[in-house]
N, C-alpha and C. Protein backbone atom coordinates (compact mmCIF):
# COMPACT_ATOMS: atom_id res chain seq x y z
N MET A 1 47.84 -148.79 45.67
CA MET A 1 49.09 -148.86 44.65
C MET A 1 49.88 -148.54 44.05
N LYS A 2 50.99 -148.68 44.09
CA LYS A 2 52.30 -147.93 43.54
C LYS A 2 52.56 -147.59 41.88
N ARG A 3 52.16 -146.82 41.88
CA ARG A 3 53.16 -146.39 40.13
C ARG A 3 54.53 -146.17 39.91
N ARG A 4 55.26 -146.84 39.29
CA ARG A 4 56.32 -145.98 38.95
C ARG A 4 56.59 -145.85 38.29
N PHE A 5 57.67 -144.96 37.92
CA PHE A 5 57.85 -144.12 36.67
C PHE A 5 59.29 -143.82 36.26
N LEU A 6 59.96 -144.17 35.42
CA LEU A 6 61.43 -144.90 35.11
C LEU A 6 61.39 -143.40 34.83
N LEU A 7 62.61 -142.78 35.63
CA LEU A 7 62.95 -141.25 34.72
C LEU A 7 64.72 -141.35 35.84
N LEU A 8 65.33 -139.97 34.99
CA LEU A 8 66.90 -140.01 35.37
C LEU A 8 66.58 -138.71 36.28
N CYS A 9 67.17 -138.35 37.55
CA CYS A 9 67.04 -137.73 38.37
C CYS A 9 67.77 -136.48 38.44
N LEU A 10 67.97 -135.18 38.19
CA LEU A 10 68.74 -134.60 37.36
C LEU A 10 68.91 -132.69 38.12
N LEU A 11 69.74 -132.31 38.44
CA LEU A 11 68.85 -130.64 38.00
C LEU A 11 69.86 -129.99 37.07
N ALA A 12 69.53 -129.16 36.31
CA ALA A 12 70.10 -128.61 34.73
C ALA A 12 69.55 -127.87 34.55
N ALA A 13 70.17 -127.31 34.01
CA ALA A 13 70.61 -125.65 33.52
C ALA A 13 69.60 -125.47 32.51
N LEU A 14 68.84 -124.43 32.73
CA LEU A 14 67.75 -123.83 32.27
C LEU A 14 67.57 -124.34 30.35
N GLY A 15 66.99 -125.07 29.91
CA GLY A 15 66.43 -125.52 28.59
C GLY A 15 67.60 -126.67 28.13
N GLY A 16 67.60 -127.08 28.89
CA GLY A 16 68.79 -128.29 28.62
C GLY A 16 67.82 -129.42 28.67
N CYS A 17 66.27 -129.71 28.42
CA CYS A 17 65.51 -130.73 28.27
C CYS A 17 65.29 -130.63 26.78
N GLY A 18 64.82 -131.95 26.49
CA GLY A 18 64.40 -131.78 24.51
C GLY A 18 63.14 -132.68 24.66
N GLY A 19 62.57 -132.98 23.58
CA GLY A 19 61.83 -134.05 23.52
C GLY A 19 60.34 -132.99 23.84
N ASN A 20 59.36 -133.80 23.12
CA ASN A 20 57.98 -133.50 23.44
C ASN A 20 57.24 -133.28 25.04
N ASN A 21 56.88 -132.13 25.31
CA ASN A 21 55.93 -131.73 26.78
C ASN A 21 54.72 -132.69 26.59
N ASN A 22 54.70 -132.91 27.96
CA ASN A 22 53.62 -133.18 28.15
C ASN A 22 53.05 -133.22 29.42
N HIS A 23 51.41 -133.19 30.18
CA HIS A 23 51.18 -132.95 31.53
C HIS A 23 50.56 -133.50 32.40
N ASN A 24 51.29 -134.73 33.05
CA ASN A 24 50.05 -135.97 33.75
C ASN A 24 48.96 -135.14 34.50
N SER A 25 47.66 -135.18 34.37
CA SER A 25 46.99 -134.90 35.19
C SER A 25 46.83 -135.45 36.55
N ASP A 26 47.44 -136.42 36.59
CA ASP A 26 47.20 -136.93 38.01
C ASP A 26 48.09 -136.09 38.84
N ILE A 27 49.24 -135.19 38.79
CA ILE A 27 50.18 -134.14 39.10
C ILE A 27 49.31 -133.27 39.70
N VAL A 28 48.72 -132.41 39.07
CA VAL A 28 47.47 -131.51 39.37
C VAL A 28 47.15 -131.40 40.72
N GLY A 29 47.09 -130.45 41.18
CA GLY A 29 47.02 -130.60 43.09
C GLY A 29 47.84 -129.78 43.59
N THR A 30 47.65 -129.14 44.99
CA THR A 30 48.15 -128.75 46.47
C THR A 30 49.13 -129.64 47.30
N TRP A 31 50.28 -129.73 47.12
CA TRP A 31 51.17 -131.28 48.13
C TRP A 31 51.93 -130.63 49.03
N ILE A 32 51.68 -131.43 50.51
CA ILE A 32 52.48 -131.29 51.70
C ILE A 32 53.21 -132.45 51.91
N ALA A 33 54.86 -131.44 52.16
CA ALA A 33 55.61 -132.82 52.64
C ALA A 33 55.34 -133.20 53.80
N ASP A 34 55.37 -134.12 53.60
CA ASP A 34 55.49 -134.80 55.26
C ASP A 34 56.73 -135.15 55.63
N LEU A 35 56.97 -134.41 56.54
CA LEU A 35 58.45 -134.36 57.00
C LEU A 35 59.29 -134.93 57.75
N PHE A 36 58.31 -136.33 58.67
CA PHE A 36 58.67 -137.40 58.72
C PHE A 36 59.22 -138.23 57.77
N VAL A 37 59.40 -138.62 56.61
CA VAL A 37 59.73 -139.70 55.81
C VAL A 37 60.55 -138.93 54.92
N SER A 38 60.84 -137.72 54.80
CA SER A 38 61.32 -136.37 53.76
C SER A 38 62.68 -136.22 54.09
N ALA A 39 63.36 -135.77 53.24
CA ALA A 39 64.43 -134.92 53.44
C ALA A 39 64.11 -133.71 54.71
N SER A 40 64.96 -132.83 55.36
CA SER A 40 64.38 -131.65 55.82
C SER A 40 66.25 -131.23 56.30
N GLY A 41 65.85 -129.49 57.13
CA GLY A 41 66.44 -129.00 56.98
C GLY A 41 67.13 -128.48 55.43
N GLU A 42 68.73 -128.76 55.21
CA GLU A 42 69.32 -128.04 54.36
C GLU A 42 69.02 -129.37 53.23
N ASP A 43 68.57 -129.91 53.19
CA ASP A 43 68.42 -130.72 52.07
C ASP A 43 67.19 -131.04 51.91
N SER A 44 66.03 -130.30 52.85
CA SER A 44 64.64 -130.17 52.11
C SER A 44 64.14 -129.07 50.62
N LEU A 45 63.80 -129.75 49.65
CA LEU A 45 63.51 -129.20 48.49
C LEU A 45 62.69 -128.30 48.40
N ALA A 46 61.68 -128.95 49.19
CA ALA A 46 60.33 -127.96 49.53
C ALA A 46 59.30 -128.49 50.49
N ASN A 47 58.46 -127.43 51.42
CA ASN A 47 57.47 -127.82 52.14
C ASN A 47 56.19 -128.03 51.27
N THR A 48 56.37 -127.50 50.29
CA THR A 48 55.10 -127.88 49.61
C THR A 48 54.55 -127.23 47.83
N LEU A 49 54.25 -128.32 46.98
CA LEU A 49 54.49 -127.79 45.92
C LEU A 49 53.34 -127.91 45.06
N VAL A 50 52.99 -126.93 44.15
CA VAL A 50 51.53 -126.49 43.67
C VAL A 50 51.65 -126.74 42.02
N TYR A 51 51.04 -127.23 41.60
CA TYR A 51 51.14 -128.16 40.05
C TYR A 51 49.62 -127.63 39.44
N ASN A 52 49.42 -126.42 39.06
CA ASN A 52 48.08 -126.50 38.40
C ASN A 52 47.10 -126.88 36.67
N SER A 53 46.52 -127.11 36.55
CA SER A 53 45.70 -127.48 35.26
C SER A 53 45.93 -126.64 34.25
N ASP A 54 46.52 -125.19 34.52
CA ASP A 54 46.83 -124.46 33.28
C ASP A 54 48.57 -124.88 33.14
N THR A 55 49.34 -125.50 33.83
CA THR A 55 50.87 -125.39 33.57
C THR A 55 51.71 -124.82 34.57
N SER A 56 50.65 -124.01 35.03
CA SER A 56 52.04 -122.86 36.33
C SER A 56 52.29 -123.78 37.43
N ALA A 57 53.59 -123.19 38.10
CA ALA A 57 53.75 -124.36 39.44
C ALA A 57 54.04 -123.60 40.42
N GLN A 58 54.30 -123.90 41.66
CA GLN A 58 55.03 -123.08 42.78
C GLN A 58 55.48 -124.02 43.41
N VAL A 59 56.98 -123.43 44.05
CA VAL A 59 57.60 -124.09 44.71
C VAL A 59 57.87 -123.41 46.38
N ARG A 60 57.19 -124.15 47.08
CA ARG A 60 57.21 -123.22 48.42
C ARG A 60 57.94 -123.42 48.97
N THR A 61 58.88 -122.78 50.03
CA THR A 61 60.21 -123.33 51.07
C THR A 61 59.45 -122.46 52.61
N ASP A 62 60.09 -122.06 53.68
CA ASP A 62 60.24 -121.63 54.83
C ASP A 62 60.80 -120.10 54.18
N GLU A 63 62.09 -120.23 53.15
CA GLU A 63 62.29 -118.76 52.79
C GLU A 63 61.97 -118.48 51.65
N SER A 64 61.10 -118.77 50.71
CA SER A 64 60.70 -117.91 49.75
C SER A 64 59.60 -119.10 48.70
N ILE A 65 59.15 -118.74 48.22
CA ILE A 65 58.01 -118.83 46.98
C ILE A 65 58.37 -118.83 45.65
N GLN A 66 58.56 -120.06 44.90
CA GLN A 66 59.27 -119.53 43.70
C GLN A 66 57.90 -120.03 42.47
N SER A 67 57.74 -119.28 41.53
CA SER A 67 57.06 -119.51 40.75
C SER A 67 57.31 -119.81 39.38
N GLY A 68 56.84 -120.16 38.34
CA GLY A 68 57.40 -121.28 37.43
C GLY A 68 56.26 -122.06 36.62
N THR A 69 56.68 -122.95 35.90
CA THR A 69 55.53 -123.89 35.37
C THR A 69 56.28 -125.27 35.26
N TRP A 70 55.45 -126.41 35.04
CA TRP A 70 55.41 -127.75 34.98
C TRP A 70 55.18 -128.26 33.99
N ARG A 71 55.92 -129.65 33.89
CA ARG A 71 55.47 -130.69 32.56
C ARG A 71 56.04 -131.71 33.05
N THR A 72 55.66 -132.66 32.47
CA THR A 72 56.35 -134.35 32.34
C THR A 72 56.75 -135.11 31.33
N GLU A 73 57.39 -135.53 31.52
CA GLU A 73 58.59 -136.11 30.26
C GLU A 73 59.48 -136.87 30.32
N GLY A 74 58.99 -138.27 29.71
CA GLY A 74 59.97 -139.09 30.10
C GLY A 74 59.81 -139.86 31.61
N GLY A 75 58.69 -139.70 32.13
CA GLY A 75 58.67 -140.37 33.24
C GLY A 75 59.14 -139.38 34.36
N ARG A 76 59.40 -137.78 34.23
CA ARG A 76 60.07 -136.80 35.19
C ARG A 76 58.77 -135.68 34.92
N ILE A 77 59.32 -135.41 36.79
CA ILE A 77 58.04 -133.66 36.47
C ILE A 77 59.35 -133.15 36.45
N ILE A 78 59.25 -132.10 35.27
CA ILE A 78 60.02 -131.03 35.24
C ILE A 78 59.77 -129.69 35.67
N THR A 79 60.28 -129.01 36.53
CA THR A 79 59.60 -127.38 37.18
C THR A 79 60.75 -126.41 36.64
N THR A 80 59.84 -125.48 36.09
CA THR A 80 60.91 -124.69 35.40
C THR A 80 60.27 -123.25 35.84
N LEU A 81 61.54 -123.02 36.67
CA LEU A 81 61.44 -121.91 37.80
C LEU A 81 62.85 -120.71 37.07
N PRO A 82 62.11 -119.38 36.53
CA PRO A 82 62.42 -118.44 36.03
C PRO A 82 63.65 -117.74 36.77
N ASP A 83 63.33 -117.19 38.05
CA ASP A 83 63.81 -116.49 39.07
C ASP A 83 64.89 -117.21 39.24
N ILE A 84 65.22 -118.67 39.09
CA ILE A 84 67.33 -119.09 39.37
C ILE A 84 67.14 -119.63 38.62
N SER A 85 66.71 -119.30 36.79
CA SER A 85 67.26 -119.85 36.19
C SER A 85 67.61 -121.61 35.91
N ARG A 86 66.52 -122.20 36.63
CA ARG A 86 66.76 -123.71 36.41
C ARG A 86 65.88 -124.66 36.35
N GLU A 87 66.04 -125.60 36.06
CA GLU A 87 64.93 -126.55 35.81
C GLU A 87 65.01 -127.85 36.81
N ILE A 88 63.82 -128.05 37.10
CA ILE A 88 64.58 -129.20 38.08
C ILE A 88 63.83 -130.72 37.94
N MET A 89 64.43 -131.51 38.04
CA MET A 89 63.99 -132.60 37.39
C MET A 89 64.04 -133.77 38.21
N SER A 90 63.10 -134.25 38.36
CA SER A 90 62.57 -135.36 39.66
C SER A 90 61.72 -136.68 39.02
N GLU A 91 62.35 -137.53 39.49
CA GLU A 91 62.26 -139.32 39.43
C GLU A 91 60.63 -138.72 40.31
N TYR A 92 59.66 -139.70 39.72
CA TYR A 92 58.39 -139.27 40.46
C TYR A 92 57.68 -140.99 40.70
N SER A 93 57.11 -141.29 41.43
CA SER A 93 55.95 -142.15 42.08
C SER A 93 54.82 -141.04 42.65
N LEU A 94 53.62 -142.12 41.92
CA LEU A 94 52.45 -141.88 42.82
C LEU A 94 51.78 -143.00 43.59
N MET A 95 51.42 -142.75 44.23
CA MET A 95 51.25 -144.15 45.36
C MET A 95 49.73 -143.48 46.10
N ASN A 96 49.05 -144.92 46.44
CA ASN A 96 47.94 -144.96 47.32
C ASN A 96 47.03 -143.59 47.03
N SER A 97 46.35 -144.37 45.44
CA SER A 97 45.35 -143.45 44.81
C SER A 97 45.85 -142.52 44.48
N ASP A 98 47.12 -141.94 43.84
CA ASP A 98 47.25 -140.75 43.52
C ASP A 98 47.74 -139.60 44.82
N ASN A 99 47.12 -140.33 46.40
CA ASN A 99 47.32 -138.93 46.84
C ASN A 99 48.66 -139.04 47.69
N ILE A 100 49.63 -139.45 47.33
CA ILE A 100 50.77 -139.65 47.94
C ILE A 100 52.45 -139.53 46.74
N LEU A 101 52.75 -138.31 46.10
CA LEU A 101 53.98 -138.15 45.58
C LEU A 101 54.92 -138.41 46.07
N GLU A 102 55.64 -139.27 45.81
CA GLU A 102 57.24 -139.36 45.80
C GLU A 102 58.17 -138.80 44.90
N THR A 103 59.28 -138.01 45.12
CA THR A 103 60.20 -137.27 44.01
C THR A 103 61.08 -137.65 44.84
N MET A 104 62.00 -137.73 43.86
CA MET A 104 63.57 -138.27 43.95
C MET A 104 64.46 -136.88 43.12
N THR A 105 65.06 -136.48 43.78
CA THR A 105 66.00 -135.24 43.26
C THR A 105 66.98 -135.59 43.41
N GLU A 106 67.93 -134.57 41.95
CA GLU A 106 69.86 -134.39 43.17
C GLU A 106 69.89 -132.98 43.07
N ASN A 107 70.28 -132.67 44.19
CA ASN A 107 70.90 -131.47 44.62
C ASN A 107 72.03 -131.25 43.80
N LEU A 108 72.39 -129.87 44.48
CA LEU A 108 73.70 -129.09 43.79
C LEU A 108 74.79 -129.69 44.14
N THR A 109 74.69 -130.37 45.53
CA THR A 109 75.79 -131.09 45.77
C THR A 109 76.06 -132.66 45.29
N GLY A 110 74.72 -133.00 44.27
CA GLY A 110 75.12 -133.79 44.36
C GLY A 110 74.19 -135.27 44.92
N SER A 111 73.86 -135.11 45.74
CA SER A 111 73.05 -136.12 46.54
C SER A 111 71.12 -135.95 45.97
N ILE A 112 70.96 -137.40 45.98
CA ILE A 112 69.27 -137.71 45.69
C ILE A 112 69.06 -137.24 46.98
N ILE A 113 68.00 -136.63 47.00
CA ILE A 113 67.14 -135.93 48.15
C ILE A 113 65.42 -137.11 47.28
N THR A 114 65.06 -137.93 48.89
CA THR A 114 63.82 -138.46 48.43
C THR A 114 62.56 -137.39 49.67
N GLU A 115 61.48 -137.22 48.75
CA GLU A 115 60.66 -136.38 49.70
C GLU A 115 59.22 -137.03 49.33
N TYR A 116 58.58 -137.06 50.34
CA TYR A 116 56.96 -137.61 50.22
C TYR A 116 55.76 -136.42 50.33
N HIS A 117 55.46 -135.94 49.23
CA HIS A 117 54.05 -135.19 49.49
C HIS A 117 52.79 -135.88 49.01
N TYR A 118 51.88 -134.97 50.84
CA TYR A 118 50.36 -135.26 50.13
C TYR A 118 49.40 -134.54 49.55
N ARG A 119 48.75 -135.16 48.89
CA ARG A 119 47.72 -134.30 48.37
C ARG A 119 46.80 -133.66 49.35
N MET A 120 46.82 -132.12 48.99
CA MET A 120 45.19 -131.51 49.55
C MET A 120 44.28 -132.35 49.24
N THR A 121 43.21 -132.77 50.23
CA THR A 121 41.63 -133.15 49.25
C THR A 121 40.75 -132.80 50.26
N LEU A 122 39.53 -133.26 49.24
CA LEU A 122 38.28 -132.52 50.38
C LEU A 122 37.83 -133.55 50.85
N ASN A 123 38.54 -134.38 51.78
CA ASN A 123 38.17 -135.36 52.91
C ASN A 123 38.59 -134.63 54.16
N PHE A 124 37.18 -134.05 54.96
CA PHE A 124 37.16 -133.11 55.75
C PHE A 124 36.55 -134.11 57.50
N PRO A 125 37.07 -135.05 57.96
CA PRO A 125 36.22 -135.96 58.97
C PRO A 125 35.48 -135.45 59.78
N SER A 126 34.42 -135.65 59.98
CA SER A 126 33.30 -135.01 61.00
C SER A 126 34.08 -134.75 62.65
N GLU A 127 34.54 -135.75 62.92
CA GLU A 127 35.47 -136.24 64.26
C GLU A 127 36.61 -135.08 64.69
N LEU A 128 36.96 -134.30 63.41
CA LEU A 128 37.86 -133.16 63.63
C LEU A 128 37.14 -132.05 63.49
N VAL A 129 35.88 -131.77 63.43
CA VAL A 129 35.99 -130.19 62.88
C VAL A 129 35.18 -129.70 64.82
N GLY A 130 35.52 -128.49 64.51
CA GLY A 130 35.42 -127.90 65.77
C GLY A 130 36.59 -126.91 66.21
N THR A 131 36.20 -126.72 67.86
CA THR A 131 37.61 -125.89 68.12
C THR A 131 38.04 -126.35 69.51
N TRP A 132 39.67 -126.43 69.03
CA TRP A 132 40.39 -127.62 69.86
C TRP A 132 41.08 -126.47 71.16
N THR A 133 41.08 -126.61 72.22
CA THR A 133 41.96 -125.82 73.09
C THR A 133 43.18 -126.74 73.37
N PRO A 134 44.13 -126.27 73.32
CA PRO A 134 45.69 -126.87 73.67
C PRO A 134 45.58 -127.25 75.28
N ILE A 135 45.82 -128.00 75.56
CA ILE A 135 46.10 -128.68 77.25
C ILE A 135 47.73 -128.71 77.45
N SER A 136 48.81 -128.99 76.22
CA SER A 136 49.38 -129.67 77.03
C SER A 136 50.29 -129.82 75.11
N ALA A 137 52.07 -129.65 75.66
CA ALA A 137 52.48 -129.78 74.40
C ALA A 137 54.00 -129.40 74.84
N THR A 138 55.00 -130.14 73.96
CA THR A 138 56.39 -130.66 73.64
C THR A 138 57.04 -130.70 72.42
N ALA A 139 57.90 -129.65 72.72
CA ALA A 139 58.93 -129.27 71.56
C ALA A 139 60.43 -130.27 71.62
N ALA A 140 60.88 -130.89 70.98
CA ALA A 140 62.10 -131.88 70.73
C ALA A 140 62.15 -132.07 72.59
N GLY A 141 60.87 -132.78 72.63
CA GLY A 141 60.88 -133.56 74.49
C GLY A 141 60.77 -132.72 75.77
N ALA A 142 61.26 -131.28 75.16
CA ALA A 142 60.84 -130.40 76.24
C ALA A 142 59.04 -130.07 76.40
N GLU A 143 59.00 -129.78 77.32
CA GLU A 143 57.50 -129.31 77.78
C GLU A 143 57.42 -127.96 77.40
N VAL A 144 56.63 -127.49 76.67
CA VAL A 144 56.33 -126.21 76.19
C VAL A 144 54.66 -125.38 77.11
N ASN A 145 54.64 -124.37 77.55
CA ASN A 145 53.59 -123.77 78.28
C ASN A 145 52.97 -123.56 76.62
N ALA A 146 51.57 -125.10 77.07
CA ALA A 146 50.56 -124.87 76.38
C ALA A 146 49.13 -123.66 76.38
N ALA A 147 49.45 -122.87 77.24
CA ALA A 147 48.50 -121.76 77.43
C ALA A 147 48.72 -120.65 76.52
N GLU A 148 49.92 -120.66 76.10
CA GLU A 148 50.58 -119.75 75.36
C GLU A 148 50.41 -120.15 73.54
N LEU A 149 49.78 -121.17 73.16
CA LEU A 149 49.42 -121.90 71.81
C LEU A 149 47.58 -121.10 71.65
N PRO A 150 47.77 -121.02 70.60
CA PRO A 150 46.20 -120.91 70.08
C PRO A 150 45.60 -121.65 69.72
N GLN A 151 44.39 -121.64 69.75
CA GLN A 151 43.17 -122.08 69.40
C GLN A 151 43.49 -122.74 68.14
N LEU A 152 43.14 -124.22 68.06
CA LEU A 152 42.57 -124.65 66.58
C LEU A 152 41.10 -124.80 66.17
N VAL A 153 41.15 -124.20 65.04
CA VAL A 153 39.39 -123.98 64.82
C VAL A 153 39.83 -124.53 63.09
N LEU A 154 38.84 -125.98 63.03
CA LEU A 154 38.77 -126.43 62.35
C LEU A 154 37.21 -126.70 61.50
N ALA A 155 36.90 -125.97 60.60
CA ALA A 155 35.51 -126.13 59.94
C ALA A 155 35.03 -127.51 59.32
N ALA A 156 33.98 -127.59 59.24
CA ALA A 156 33.21 -128.58 58.34
C ALA A 156 33.79 -128.50 57.25
N ASP A 157 34.21 -127.31 56.30
CA ASP A 157 34.33 -126.70 54.79
C ASP A 157 35.72 -126.77 54.45
N GLY A 158 36.32 -127.57 55.52
CA GLY A 158 38.05 -127.35 55.26
C GLY A 158 38.71 -125.88 55.30
N THR A 159 37.96 -125.22 56.12
CA THR A 159 38.84 -123.88 56.33
C THR A 159 39.02 -123.94 58.10
N GLY A 160 39.03 -122.58 58.31
CA GLY A 160 38.89 -122.51 59.74
C GLY A 160 40.33 -121.82 60.40
N SER A 161 41.38 -122.09 61.62
CA SER A 161 42.67 -121.67 61.49
C SER A 161 43.32 -121.71 60.24
N PHE A 162 43.28 -122.95 59.54
CA PHE A 162 44.24 -122.87 58.21
C PHE A 162 43.08 -123.60 57.45
N SER A 163 43.56 -123.60 56.06
CA SER A 163 43.04 -124.94 55.34
C SER A 163 43.28 -126.20 55.86
N TRP A 164 42.29 -127.08 55.75
CA TRP A 164 43.00 -128.56 56.25
C TRP A 164 42.29 -129.47 55.54
N SER A 165 42.89 -130.68 55.19
CA SER A 165 42.24 -132.02 55.01
C SER A 165 42.92 -133.07 55.30
N VAL A 166 42.41 -134.37 55.53
CA VAL A 166 42.92 -135.31 56.07
C VAL A 166 43.31 -136.74 55.12
N THR A 167 44.88 -136.91 54.11
CA THR A 167 44.67 -137.71 53.41
C THR A 167 45.77 -139.05 53.65
N GLU A 168 45.40 -140.01 53.68
CA GLU A 168 46.22 -141.45 54.26
C GLU A 168 46.84 -140.94 55.79
N GLY A 169 45.91 -140.52 56.60
CA GLY A 169 45.84 -140.63 57.77
C GLY A 169 46.76 -139.55 58.38
N ARG A 170 46.89 -138.69 57.62
CA ARG A 170 47.93 -137.66 57.63
C ARG A 170 46.85 -136.07 58.00
N LEU A 171 47.17 -134.77 59.21
CA LEU A 171 46.09 -133.87 59.19
C LEU A 171 47.34 -133.02 58.27
N LEU A 172 46.51 -132.07 57.38
CA LEU A 172 47.44 -131.43 56.68
C LEU A 172 46.79 -130.13 56.67
N MET A 173 47.49 -128.84 56.80
CA MET A 173 47.17 -127.62 57.12
C MET A 173 47.89 -126.86 56.40
N LEU A 174 47.60 -125.77 55.55
CA LEU A 174 47.96 -125.07 54.88
C LEU A 174 47.99 -123.30 55.40
N ASP A 175 48.77 -122.87 55.81
CA ASP A 175 48.38 -121.61 56.30
C ASP A 175 48.03 -121.03 55.36
N PRO A 176 47.16 -119.55 55.50
CA PRO A 176 46.18 -118.56 54.30
C PRO A 176 47.42 -117.44 54.63
N VAL A 177 48.35 -117.55 55.12
CA VAL A 177 49.11 -116.29 55.22
C VAL A 177 50.54 -116.32 54.51
N SER A 178 51.20 -117.36 54.94
CA SER A 178 52.72 -117.71 54.27
C SER A 178 52.56 -118.83 53.42
N LEU A 179 51.53 -119.48 52.96
CA LEU A 179 50.96 -120.70 51.91
C LEU A 179 51.84 -121.27 52.23
N ILE A 180 52.54 -121.55 53.45
CA ILE A 180 53.09 -123.17 53.59
C ILE A 180 52.50 -124.21 54.33
N GLY A 181 52.57 -125.41 53.92
CA GLY A 181 51.90 -126.25 54.60
C GLY A 181 52.38 -127.12 55.77
N GLN A 182 51.59 -128.01 56.30
CA GLN A 182 52.42 -128.61 57.50
C GLN A 182 51.57 -130.41 57.33
N ALA A 183 52.50 -131.15 57.60
CA ALA A 183 51.60 -132.43 57.91
C ALA A 183 51.72 -133.59 59.52
N TYR A 184 50.74 -133.11 59.87
CA TYR A 184 50.86 -133.97 60.95
C TYR A 184 50.50 -135.05 61.30
N GLU A 185 50.84 -136.03 62.35
CA GLU A 185 50.33 -137.42 62.46
C GLU A 185 49.70 -136.98 63.32
N TYR A 186 48.17 -137.91 63.64
CA TYR A 186 47.21 -137.57 64.74
C TYR A 186 46.75 -138.59 65.25
N ALA A 187 46.06 -138.58 66.21
CA ALA A 187 45.11 -139.82 67.03
C ALA A 187 43.92 -138.56 67.77
N ILE A 188 42.76 -139.46 67.66
CA ILE A 188 41.96 -139.32 68.71
C ILE A 188 41.58 -139.76 69.73
N ALA A 189 41.41 -139.53 70.66
CA ALA A 189 41.12 -140.34 72.19
C ALA A 189 40.10 -140.14 72.79
N VAL A 190 39.09 -140.58 73.49
CA VAL A 190 37.89 -140.11 74.67
C VAL A 190 38.35 -141.09 75.85
N PRO A 191 39.25 -140.61 76.61
CA PRO A 191 39.23 -140.78 78.11
C PRO A 191 37.91 -141.26 78.75
N ASP A 192 37.75 -142.17 79.54
CA ASP A 192 36.87 -142.66 80.35
C ASP A 192 36.32 -141.48 81.01
N GLY A 193 34.98 -141.29 80.89
CA GLY A 193 34.23 -139.93 81.27
C GLY A 193 34.81 -138.48 81.06
N GLY A 194 35.89 -138.27 80.31
CA GLY A 194 36.39 -136.86 80.07
C GLY A 194 36.32 -136.49 78.27
N ALA A 195 36.44 -135.20 78.03
CA ALA A 195 36.48 -134.59 76.89
C ALA A 195 36.88 -135.68 75.84
N VAL A 196 36.44 -135.44 74.43
CA VAL A 196 37.49 -135.81 73.57
C VAL A 196 38.84 -135.17 73.51
N LEU A 197 39.97 -136.02 72.96
CA LEU A 197 41.43 -134.88 73.06
C LEU A 197 41.54 -135.86 71.29
N LEU A 198 42.60 -134.54 71.25
CA LEU A 198 43.12 -134.43 69.89
C LEU A 198 44.36 -134.39 70.12
N THR A 199 45.54 -135.35 69.42
CA THR A 199 46.80 -135.12 69.66
C THR A 199 47.95 -135.26 68.12
N THR A 200 48.33 -134.00 68.12
CA THR A 200 48.60 -134.15 66.82
C THR A 200 50.51 -133.97 67.26
N THR A 201 51.41 -134.33 65.92
CA THR A 201 52.83 -134.32 66.40
C THR A 201 53.48 -134.60 64.64
N GLY A 202 53.94 -133.25 64.52
CA GLY A 202 54.79 -132.61 63.35
C GLY A 202 55.89 -132.72 63.53
N ILE A 203 56.67 -131.90 62.02
CA ILE A 203 58.20 -131.47 62.07
C ILE A 203 57.94 -130.04 62.27
N GLU A 204 58.32 -128.93 62.72
CA GLU A 204 58.57 -127.68 63.51
C GLU A 204 59.87 -127.03 63.27
N ALA A 205 59.99 -126.25 62.78
CA ALA A 205 61.49 -125.47 62.59
C ALA A 205 62.70 -126.59 62.64
N GLY A 206 62.51 -128.41 61.92
CA GLY A 206 63.40 -129.46 62.72
C GLY A 206 63.37 -129.68 63.96
N GLN A 207 62.37 -129.34 64.78
CA GLN A 207 61.79 -130.15 66.20
C GLN A 207 60.83 -130.83 65.57
N THR A 208 60.40 -132.40 66.70
CA THR A 208 59.57 -132.47 66.66
C THR A 208 58.52 -132.50 67.83
N VAL A 209 57.05 -131.70 67.30
CA VAL A 209 56.53 -130.77 67.66
C VAL A 209 54.78 -131.62 68.28
N THR A 210 54.64 -131.85 69.55
CA THR A 210 53.76 -132.64 69.88
C THR A 210 52.27 -131.89 70.23
N VAL A 211 51.18 -131.55 70.40
CA VAL A 211 50.07 -130.73 71.06
C VAL A 211 49.24 -131.90 71.19
N SER A 212 48.32 -131.68 72.60
CA SER A 212 47.45 -132.35 72.64
C SER A 212 46.15 -131.06 73.21
N TYR A 213 44.95 -131.33 72.09
CA TYR A 213 44.14 -130.62 72.11
C TYR A 213 42.88 -131.14 73.19
N THR A 214 41.80 -130.37 73.77
CA THR A 214 40.49 -131.12 74.43
C THR A 214 39.26 -130.13 73.27
N ASN A 215 38.18 -130.79 72.91
CA ASN A 215 36.99 -130.24 72.33
C ASN A 215 35.69 -130.62 73.43
N ASP A 216 35.66 -129.75 74.50
CA ASP A 216 34.52 -130.26 75.13
C ASP A 216 33.27 -129.88 74.63
N GLU A 217 33.13 -129.55 73.24
CA GLU A 217 31.74 -129.49 72.16
C GLU A 217 31.52 -130.86 71.90
N ALA A 218 32.48 -132.21 71.64
CA ALA A 218 32.48 -132.71 70.52
C ALA A 218 31.95 -134.05 71.55
């Protein structure tokens, strides 16, 4: 079910908002951008958003991690980032049992940027648990040497090579070092007489990357 919040999309100077502050608890969580349907490249506002219950917030991109505070007011998410002296005001919608966050924000050039973020959850499907070895890969349609790619370890408690979970059909992986997340489409297949295959497709560095893995123990 989609819940629509009516609001104005703005980027305003710090201190440009009035009225009573509020904090919609449904927003609390870590959100990973789905770059298949979100803005990308220069228009992308954030790969990863973090809204904490203590009202602290982080806006994470490949270039930087900005810390600040957040609130909801008049139907907007307002993120205050002192380091850049700006409040980011976004129209938002919560969809699919509050597991998908749609934001619409006006950037510095006046364009409206729509982004979709998936919530990190505690959903760790057993079919994905294991150590996966890459056997083939493509980037922007060109073959990549899969032997040079690392194994993908997905533990039953959501740890492993990355912190991971599955939300609304997306495999979400959060890098423990960079703290940047990625959302992947994925599929599990079992060819006749063969090993279990996991195929993931994601947007990395602006390119569509597809990797197939095998798990001989599954």
